[in-house]
Amino acid sequence: MDRRNTSQSESTRTGTIATVELPATLLERVEARVPRSEFDTTEEYVAFVLEEVLARVEDETDGGGDYDAVDQDEVETRLKSLGYLD
């Protein structure tokens, strides 16, 4: 893996690739979490986390938005796969 402070992610909507610079300490934390997750690469993990955070922020600011409600079991399963829950 390239140890630069960047992560590249392919956008599922446009098919384009963008580069994002991350602090080295943050990149190390992400890289440590990837093996305990359902993701194969740091890029996939970062893209997923950003999409999740943006969806929540947009949902809060848009008053509901177009996002489906997620049940508690699905959230717990996802958090376990990401290594946040045992």
PDB file of N, CA and C in Angstrom:
ATOM      1  N   MET A   1       0.835  -1.181   0.000  1.00  0.00           N
ATOM      2  CA  MET A   1       0.000   0.000   0.000  1.00  0.00           C
ATOM      3  C   MET A   1       0.871   1.233   0.000  1.00  0.00           C
ATOM      4  N   ASP A   2       0.460   2.221  -0.724  1.00  0.00           N
ATOM      5  CA  ASP A   2       1.141   3.500  -0.787  1.00  0.00           C
ATOM      6  C   ASP A   2       0.970   4.214   0.546  1.00  0.00           C
ATOM      7  N   ARG A   3       2.056   4.566   1.198  1.00  0.00           N
ATOM      8  CA  ARG A   3       1.992   5.163   2.534  1.00  0.00           C
ATOM      9  C   ARG A   3       1.896   6.689   2.495  1.00  0.00           C
ATOM     10  N   ARG A   4       1.647   7.273   1.339  1.00  0.00           N
ATOM     11  CA  ARG A   4       1.451   8.715   1.290  1.00  0.00           C
ATOM     12  C   ARG A   4       0.199   9.074   2.075  1.00  0.00           C
ATOM     13  N   ASN A   5       0.061  10.316   2.407  1.00  0.00           N
ATOM     14  CA  ASN A   5      -1.089  10.789   3.175  1.00  0.00           C
ATOM     15  C   ASN A   5      -2.271  11.082   2.269  1.00  0.00           C
ATOM     16  N   THR A   6      -2.534  10.201   1.327  1.00  0.00           N
ATOM     17  CA  THR A   6      -3.661  10.401   0.430  1.00  0.00           C
ATOM     18  C   THR A   6      -4.465   9.129   0.325  1.00  0.00           C
ATOM     19  N   SER A   7      -5.687   9.283  -0.043  1.00  0.00           N
ATOM     20  CA  SER A   7      -6.565   8.152  -0.294  1.00  0.00           C
ATOM     21  C   SER A   7      -7.327   8.456  -1.565  1.00  0.00           C
ATOM     22  N   GLN A   8      -7.363   7.505  -2.488  1.00  0.00           N
ATOM     23  CA  GLN A   8      -8.100   7.710  -3.720  1.00  0.00           C
ATOM     24  C   GLN A   8      -9.374   6.903  -3.671  1.00  0.00           C
ATOM     25  N   SER A   9     -10.442   7.476  -4.178  1.00  0.00           N
ATOM     26  CA  SER A   9     -11.734   6.821  -4.150  1.00  0.00           C
ATOM     27  C   SER A   9     -12.424   7.003  -5.479  1.00  0.00           C
ATOM     28  N   GLU A  10     -12.974   5.930  -6.025  1.00  0.00           N
ATOM     29  CA  GLU A  10     -13.730   6.032  -7.263  1.00  0.00           C
ATOM     30  C   GLU A  10     -15.166   6.370  -6.924  1.00  0.00           C
ATOM     31  N   SER A  11     -15.651   7.414  -7.516  1.00  0.00           N
ATOM     32  CA  SER A  11     -17.028   7.835  -7.286  1.00  0.00           C
ATOM     33  C   SER A  11     -17.962   6.890  -8.005  1.00  0.00           C
ATOM     34  N   THR A  12     -18.960   6.371  -7.285  1.00  0.00           N
ATOM     35  CA  THR A  12     -19.908   5.448  -7.904  1.00  0.00           C
ATOM     36  C   THR A  12     -20.856   6.170  -8.836  1.00  0.00           C
ATOM     37  N   ARG A  13     -20.988   7.476  -8.672  1.00  0.00           N
ATOM     38  CA  ARG A  13     -21.924   8.222  -9.513  1.00  0.00           C
ATOM     39  C   ARG A  13     -21.296   8.681 -10.813  1.00  0.00           C
ATOM     40  N   THR A  14     -20.052   9.137 -10.782  1.00  0.00           N
ATOM     41  CA  THR A  14     -19.454   9.717 -11.975  1.00  0.00           C
ATOM     42  C   THR A  14     -18.365   8.863 -12.587  1.00  0.00           C
ATOM     43  N   GLY A  15     -17.829   7.913 -11.846  1.00  0.00           N
ATOM     44  CA  GLY A  15     -16.757   7.080 -12.358  1.00  0.00           C
ATOM     45  C   GLY A  15     -15.420   7.788 -12.372  1.00  0.00           C
ATOM     46  N   THR A  16     -15.333   8.958 -11.783  1.00  0.00           N
ATOM     47  CA  THR A  16     -14.076   9.691 -11.742  1.00  0.00           C
ATOM     48  C   THR A  16     -13.332   9.375 -10.458  1.00  0.00           C
ATOM     49  N   ILE A  17     -12.039   9.644 -10.461  1.00  0.00           N
ATOM     50  CA  ILE A  17     -11.208   9.398  -9.287  1.00  0.00           C
ATOM     51  C   ILE A  17     -10.705  10.732  -8.769  1.00  0.00           C
ATOM     52  N   ALA A  18     -10.765  10.907  -7.455  1.00  0.00           N
ATOM     53  CA  ALA A  18     -10.270  12.122  -6.816  1.00  0.00           C
ATOM     54  C   ALA A  18      -9.268  11.741  -5.739  1.00  0.00           C
ATOM     55  N   THR A  19      -8.340  12.612  -5.470  1.00  0.00           N
ATOM     56  CA  THR A  19      -7.334  12.384  -4.443  1.00  0.00           C
ATOM     57  C   THR A  19      -7.615  13.293  -3.257  1.00  0.00           C
ATOM     58  N   VAL A  20      -7.541  12.714  -2.062  1.00  0.00           N
ATOM     59  CA  VAL A  20      -7.770  13.461  -0.826  1.00  0.00           C
ATOM     60  C   VAL A  20      -6.551  13.283   0.058  1.00  0.00           C
ATOM     61  N   GLU A  21      -6.041  14.366   0.603  1.00  0.00           N
ATOM     62  CA  GLU A  21      -4.916  14.282   1.522  1.00  0.00           C
ATOM     63  C   GLU A  21      -5.434  14.134   2.942  1.00  0.00           C
ATOM     64  N   LEU A  22      -4.819  13.196   3.676  1.00  0.00           N
ATOM     65  CA  LEU A  22      -5.197  12.936   5.066  1.00  0.00           C
ATOM     66  C   LEU A  22      -3.967  13.068   5.951  1.00  0.00           C
ATOM     67  N   PRO A  23      -4.144  13.503   7.191  1.00  0.00           N
ATOM     68  CA  PRO A  23      -3.016  13.488   8.124  1.00  0.00           C
ATOM     69  C   PRO A  23      -2.523  12.045   8.303  1.00  0.00           C
ATOM     70  N   ALA A  24      -1.217  11.878   8.452  1.00  0.00           N
ATOM     71  CA  ALA A  24      -0.629  10.542   8.568  1.00  0.00           C
ATOM     72  C   ALA A  24      -1.245   9.748   9.713  1.00  0.00           C
ATOM     73  N   THR A  25      -1.515  10.399  10.833  1.00  0.00           N
ATOM     74  CA  THR A  25      -2.080   9.681  11.978  1.00  0.00           C
ATOM     75  C   THR A  25      -3.480   9.160  11.672  1.00  0.00           C
ATOM     76  N   LEU A  26      -4.257   9.933  10.936  1.00  0.00           N
ATOM     77  CA  LEU A  26      -5.597   9.490  10.553  1.00  0.00           C
ATOM     78  C   LEU A  26      -5.518   8.329   9.574  1.00  0.00           C
ATOM     79  N   LEU A  27      -4.625   8.416   8.613  1.00  0.00           N
ATOM     80  CA  LEU A  27      -4.454   7.334   7.648  1.00  0.00           C
ATOM     81  C   LEU A  27      -4.038   6.040   8.351  1.00  0.00           C
ATOM     82  N   GLU A  28      -3.159   6.141   9.334  1.00  0.00           N
ATOM     83  CA  GLU A  28      -2.734   4.963  10.092  1.00  0.00           C
ATOM     84  C   GLU A  28      -3.907   4.337  10.836  1.00  0.00           C
ATOM     85  N   ARG A  29      -4.768   5.159  11.407  1.00  0.00           N
ATOM     86  CA  ARG A  29      -5.946   4.637  12.113  1.00  0.00           C
ATOM     87  C   ARG A  29      -6.878   3.911  11.152  1.00  0.00           C
ATOM     88  N   VAL A  30      -7.076   4.494   9.987  1.00  0.00           N
ATOM     89  CA  VAL A  30      -7.936   3.866   8.977  1.00  0.00           C
ATOM     90  C   VAL A  30      -7.328   2.544   8.528  1.00  0.00           C
ATOM     91  N   GLU A  31      -6.040   2.536   8.224  1.00  0.00           N
ATOM     92  CA  GLU A  31      -5.370   1.315   7.771  1.00  0.00           C
ATOM     93  C   GLU A  31      -5.438   0.215   8.825  1.00  0.00           C
ATOM     94  N   ALA A  32      -5.386   0.582  10.095  1.00  0.00           N
ATOM     95  CA  ALA A  32      -5.481  -0.410  11.171  1.00  0.00           C
ATOM     96  C   ALA A  32      -6.878  -1.007  11.254  1.00  0.00           C
ATOM     97  N   ARG A  33      -7.885  -0.255  10.869  1.00  0.00           N
ATOM     98  CA  ARG A  33      -9.270  -0.707  10.971  1.00  0.00           C
ATOM     99  C   ARG A  33      -9.693  -1.574   9.784  1.00  0.00           C
ATOM    100  N   VAL A  34      -9.111  -1.365   8.620  1.00  0.00           N
ATOM    101  CA  VAL A  34      -9.527  -2.069   7.402  1.00  0.00           C
ATOM    102  C   VAL A  34      -9.506  -3.593   7.553  1.00  0.00           C
ATOM    103  N   PRO A  35      -8.466  -4.203   8.131  1.00  0.00           N
ATOM    104  CA  PRO A  35      -8.473  -5.669   8.250  1.00  0.00           C
ATOM    105  C   PRO A  35      -9.609  -6.215   9.118  1.00  0.00           C
ATOM    106  N   ARG A  36     -10.150  -5.388  10.005  1.00  0.00           N
ATOM    107  CA  ARG A  36     -11.248  -5.816  10.874  1.00  0.00           C
ATOM    108  C   ARG A  36     -12.602  -5.423  10.302  1.00  0.00           C
ATOM    109  N   SER A  37     -12.627  -5.071   9.038  1.00  0.00           N
ATOM    110  CA  SER A  37     -13.865  -4.628   8.405  1.00  0.00           C
ATOM    111  C   SER A  37     -14.188  -5.517   7.210  1.00  0.00           C
ATOM    112  N   GLU A  38     -15.283  -5.200   6.545  1.00  0.00           N
ATOM    113  CA  GLU A  38     -15.694  -5.940   5.351  1.00  0.00           C
ATOM    114  C   GLU A  38     -15.026  -5.402   4.092  1.00  0.00           C
ATOM    115  N   PHE A  39     -14.137  -4.420   4.226  1.00  0.00           N
ATOM    116  CA  PHE A  39     -13.527  -3.766   3.079  1.00  0.00           C
ATOM    117  C   PHE A  39     -12.151  -4.336   2.784  1.00  0.00           C
ATOM    118  N   ASP A  40     -11.797  -4.344   1.498  1.00  0.00           N
ATOM    119  CA  ASP A  40     -10.509  -4.872   1.069  1.00  0.00           C
ATOM    120  C   ASP A  40      -9.421  -3.804   1.023  1.00  0.00           C
ATOM    121  N   THR A  41      -9.810  -2.562   0.839  1.00  0.00           N
ATOM    122  CA  THR A  41      -8.823  -1.498   0.702  1.00  0.00           C
ATOM    123  C   THR A  41      -9.171  -0.304   1.579  1.00  0.00           C
ATOM    124  N   THR A  42      -8.150   0.485   1.849  1.00  0.00           N
ATOM    125  CA  THR A  42      -8.338   1.727   2.589  1.00  0.00           C
ATOM    126  C   THR A  42      -9.269   2.657   1.827  1.00  0.00           C
ATOM    127  N   GLU A  43      -9.117   2.687   0.520  1.00  0.00           N
ATOM    128  CA  GLU A  43      -9.938   3.562  -0.313  1.00  0.00           C
ATOM    129  C   GLU A  43     -11.421   3.221  -0.188  1.00  0.00           C
ATOM    130  N   GLU A  44     -11.749   1.922  -0.214  1.00  0.00           N
ATOM    131  CA  GLU A  44     -13.145   1.498  -0.074  1.00  0.00           C
ATOM    132  C   GLU A  44     -13.694   1.909   1.291  1.00  0.00           C
ATOM    133  N   TYR A  45     -12.893   1.714   2.320  1.00  0.00           N
ATOM    134  CA  TYR A  45     -13.318   2.044   3.684  1.00  0.00           C
ATOM    135  C   TYR A  45     -13.576   3.542   3.826  1.00  0.00           C
ATOM    136  N   VAL A  46     -12.634   4.360   3.356  1.00  0.00           N
ATOM    137  CA  VAL A  46     -12.777   5.811   3.459  1.00  0.00           C
ATOM    138  C   VAL A  46     -13.995   6.284   2.678  1.00  0.00           C
ATOM    139  N   ALA A  47     -14.203   5.762   1.480  1.00  0.00           N
ATOM    140  CA  ALA A  47     -15.365   6.155   0.673  1.00  0.00           C
ATOM    141  C   ALA A  47     -16.661   5.808   1.396  1.00  0.00           C
ATOM    142  N   PHE A  48     -16.720   4.622   1.996  1.00  0.00           N
ATOM    143  CA  PHE A  48     -17.922   4.204   2.716  1.00  0.00           C
ATOM    144  C   PHE A  48     -18.197   5.120   3.910  1.00  0.00           C
ATOM    145  N   VAL A  49     -17.168   5.373   4.703  1.00  0.00           N
ATOM    146  CA  VAL A  49     -17.341   6.206   5.893  1.00  0.00           C
ATOM    147  C   VAL A  49     -17.794   7.610   5.498  1.00  0.00           C
ATOM    148  N   LEU A  50     -17.186   8.176   4.473  1.00  0.00           N
ATOM    149  CA  LEU A  50     -17.591   9.510   4.026  1.00  0.00           C
ATOM    150  C   LEU A  50     -19.027   9.523   3.530  1.00  0.00           C
ATOM    151  N   GLU A  51     -19.412   8.499   2.777  1.00  0.00           N
ATOM    152  CA  GLU A  51     -20.792   8.421   2.296  1.00  0.00           C
ATOM    153  C   GLU A  51     -21.777   8.328   3.457  1.00  0.00           C
ATOM    154  N   GLU A  52     -21.440   7.530   4.472  1.00  0.00           N
ATOM    155  CA  GLU A  52     -22.312   7.390   5.638  1.00  0.00           C
ATOM    156  C   GLU A  52     -22.447   8.710   6.397  1.00  0.00           C
ATOM    157  N   VAL A  53     -21.330   9.364   6.631  1.00  0.00           N
ATOM    158  CA  VAL A  53     -21.361  10.628   7.367  1.00  0.00           C
ATOM    159  C   VAL A  53     -22.129  11.680   6.577  1.00  0.00           C
ATOM    160  N   LEU A  54     -21.846  11.795   5.291  1.00  0.00           N
ATOM    161  CA  LEU A  54     -22.554  12.780   4.469  1.00  0.00           C
ATOM    162  C   LEU A  54     -24.046  12.492   4.408  1.00  0.00           C
ATOM    163  N   ALA A  55     -24.414  11.233   4.331  1.00  0.00           N
ATOM    164  CA  ALA A  55     -25.837  10.886   4.295  1.00  0.00           C
ATOM    165  C   ALA A  55     -26.529  11.344   5.574  1.00  0.00           C
ATOM    166  N   ARG A  56     -25.884  11.143   6.704  1.00  0.00           N
ATOM    167  CA  ARG A  56     -26.475  11.563   7.979  1.00  0.00           C
ATOM    168  C   ARG A  56     -26.570  13.081   8.075  1.00  0.00           C
ATOM    169  N   VAL A  57     -25.503  13.767   7.683  1.00  0.00           N
ATOM    170  CA  VAL A  57     -25.503  15.228   7.742  1.00  0.00           C
ATOM    171  C   VAL A  57     -26.550  15.792   6.792  1.00  0.00           C
ATOM    172  N   GLU A  58     -26.598  15.268   5.581  1.00  0.00           N
ATOM    173  CA  GLU A  58     -27.572  15.748   4.605  1.00  0.00           C
ATOM    174  C   GLU A  58     -28.991  15.447   5.059  1.00  0.00           C
ATOM    175  N   ASP A  59     -29.175  14.292   5.674  1.00  0.00           N
ATOM    176  CA  ASP A  59     -30.498  13.924   6.173  1.00  0.00           C
ATOM    177  C   ASP A  59     -30.942  14.892   7.265  1.00  0.00           C
ATOM    178  N   GLU A  60     -30.030  15.234   8.160  1.00  0.00           N
ATOM    179  CA  GLU A  60     -30.349  16.160   9.247  1.00  0.00           C
ATOM    180  C   GLU A  60     -30.636  17.559   8.718  1.00  0.00           C
ATOM    181  N   THR A  61     -29.852  18.012   7.762  1.00  0.00           N
ATOM    182  CA  THR A  61     -30.023  19.376   7.257  1.00  0.00           C
ATOM    183  C   THR A  61     -31.155  19.490   6.254  1.00  0.00           C
ATOM    184  N   ASP A  62     -31.513  18.392   5.596  1.00  0.00           N
ATOM    185  CA  ASP A  62     -32.584  18.414   4.602  1.00  0.00           C
ATOM    186  C   ASP A  62     -33.932  18.050   5.202  1.00  0.00           C
ATOM    187  N   GLY A  63     -33.953  17.706   6.469  1.00  0.00           N
ATOM    188  CA  GLY A  63     -35.214  17.349   7.102  1.00  0.00           C
ATOM    189  C   GLY A  63     -35.777  16.030   6.629  1.00  0.00           C
ATOM    190  N   GLY A  64     -34.930  15.082   6.351  1.00  0.00           N
ATOM    191  CA  GLY A  64     -35.409  13.764   5.945  1.00  0.00           C
ATOM    192  C   GLY A  64     -34.764  13.271   4.680  1.00  0.00           C
ATOM    193  N   GLY A  65     -34.655  14.096   3.697  1.00  0.00           N
ATOM    194  CA  GLY A  65     -33.978  13.723   2.460  1.00  0.00           C
ATOM    195  C   GLY A  65     -34.567  12.505   1.792  1.00  0.00           C
ATOM    196  N   ASP A  66     -33.790  11.886   0.939  1.00  0.00           N
ATOM    197  CA  ASP A  66     -34.216  10.710   0.186  1.00  0.00           C
ATOM    198  C   ASP A  66     -33.670   9.418   0.776  1.00  0.00           C
ATOM    199  N   TYR A  67     -33.180   9.444   1.998  1.00  0.00           N
ATOM    200  CA  TYR A  67     -32.530   8.279   2.576  1.00  0.00           C
ATOM    201  C   TYR A  67     -33.530   7.413   3.328  1.00  0.00           C
ATOM    202  N   ASP A  68     -33.406   6.112   3.124  1.00  0.00           N
ATOM    203  CA  ASP A  68     -34.289   5.162   3.788  1.00  0.00           C
ATOM    204  C   ASP A  68     -33.901   5.018   5.254  1.00  0.00           C
ATOM    205  N   ALA A  69     -34.879   4.750   6.074  1.00  0.00           N
ATOM    206  CA  ALA A  69     -34.618   4.477   7.485  1.00  0.00           C
ATOM    207  C   ALA A  69     -33.898   3.136   7.599  1.00  0.00           C
ATOM    208  N   VAL A  70     -32.961   3.038   8.533  1.00  0.00           N
ATOM    209  CA  VAL A  70     -32.186   1.824   8.742  1.00  0.00           C
ATOM    210  C   VAL A  70     -32.577   1.254  10.094  1.00  0.00           C
ATOM    211  N   ASP A  71     -32.845  -0.061  10.149  1.00  0.00           N
ATOM    212  CA  ASP A  71     -33.243  -0.642  11.428  1.00  0.00           C
ATOM    213  C   ASP A  71     -32.033  -0.903  12.325  1.00  0.00           C
ATOM    214  N   GLN A  72     -32.290  -1.072  13.610  1.00  0.00           N
ATOM    215  CA  GLN A  72     -31.245  -1.231  14.615  1.00  0.00           C
ATOM    216  C   GLN A  72     -30.336  -2.421  14.322  1.00  0.00           C
ATOM    217  N   ASP A  73     -30.895  -3.552  13.900  1.00  0.00           N
ATOM    218  CA  ASP A  73     -30.083  -4.738  13.608  1.00  0.00           C
ATOM    219  C   ASP A  73     -29.099  -4.470  12.479  1.00  0.00           C
ATOM    220  N   GLU A  74     -29.542  -3.762  11.449  1.00  0.00           N
ATOM    221  CA  GLU A  74     -28.656  -3.455  10.328  1.00  0.00           C
ATOM    222  C   GLU A  74     -27.509  -2.551  10.772  1.00  0.00           C
ATOM    223  N   VAL A  75     -27.812  -1.583  11.622  1.00  0.00           N
ATOM    224  CA  VAL A  75     -26.778  -0.688  12.134  1.00  0.00           C
ATOM    225  C   VAL A  75     -25.772  -1.470  12.970  1.00  0.00           C
ATOM    226  N   GLU A  76     -26.249  -2.332  13.854  1.00  0.00           N
ATOM    227  CA  GLU A  76     -25.347  -3.125  14.689  1.00  0.00           C
ATOM    228  C   GLU A  76     -24.483  -4.050  13.845  1.00  0.00           C
ATOM    229  N   THR A  77     -25.060  -4.677  12.836  1.00  0.00           N
ATOM    230  CA  THR A  77     -24.297  -5.554  11.947  1.00  0.00           C
ATOM    231  C   THR A  77     -23.203  -4.771  11.237  1.00  0.00           C
ATOM    232  N   ARG A  78     -23.546  -3.606  10.756  1.00  0.00           N
ATOM    233  CA  ARG A  78     -22.567  -2.771  10.054  1.00  0.00           C
ATOM    234  C   ARG A  78     -21.461  -2.318  10.996  1.00  0.00           C
ATOM    235  N   LEU A  79     -21.809  -1.897  12.205  1.00  0.00           N
ATOM    236  CA  LEU A  79     -20.802  -1.469  13.169  1.00  0.00           C
ATOM    237  C   LEU A  79     -19.884  -2.621  13.569  1.00  0.00           C
ATOM    238  N   LYS A  80     -20.427  -3.833  13.688  1.00  0.00           N
ATOM    239  CA  LYS A  80     -19.599  -5.005  13.988  1.00  0.00           C
ATOM    240  C   LYS A  80     -18.629  -5.274  12.853  1.00  0.00           C
ATOM    241  N   SER A  81     -19.104  -5.187  11.616  1.00  0.00           N
ATOM    242  CA  SER A  81     -18.233  -5.459  10.470  1.00  0.00           C
ATOM    243  C   SER A  81     -17.124  -4.421  10.350  1.00  0.00           C
ATOM    244  N   LEU A  82     -17.362  -3.233  10.865  1.00  0.00           N
ATOM    245  CA  LEU A  82     -16.354  -2.178  10.837  1.00  0.00           C
ATOM    246  C   LEU A  82     -15.423  -2.234  12.043  1.00  0.00           C
ATOM    247  N   GLY A  83     -15.716  -3.137  12.982  1.00  0.00           N
ATOM    248  CA  GLY A  83     -14.855  -3.304  14.138  1.00  0.00           C
ATOM    249  C   GLY A  83     -15.185  -2.409  15.314  1.00  0.00           C
ATOM    250  N   TYR A  84     -16.316  -1.710  15.263  1.00  0.00           N
ATOM    251  CA  TYR A  84     -16.692  -0.824  16.362  1.00  0.00           C
ATOM    252  C   TYR A  84     -17.373  -1.569  17.501  1.00  0.00           C
ATOM    253  N   LEU A  85     -18.011  -2.696  17.229  1.00  0.00           N
ATOM    254  CA  LEU A  85     -18.679  -3.498  18.249  1.00  0.00           C
ATOM    255  C   LEU A  85     -18.121  -4.910  18.228  1.00  0.00           C
ATOM    256  N   ASP A  86     -18.145  -5.542  19.384  1.00  0.00           N
ATOM    257  CA  ASP A  86     -17.679  -6.941  19.468  1.00  0.00           C
ATOM    258  C   ASP A  86     -18.824  -7.893  19.281  1.00  0.00           C
TER     259      ASP A  86
END
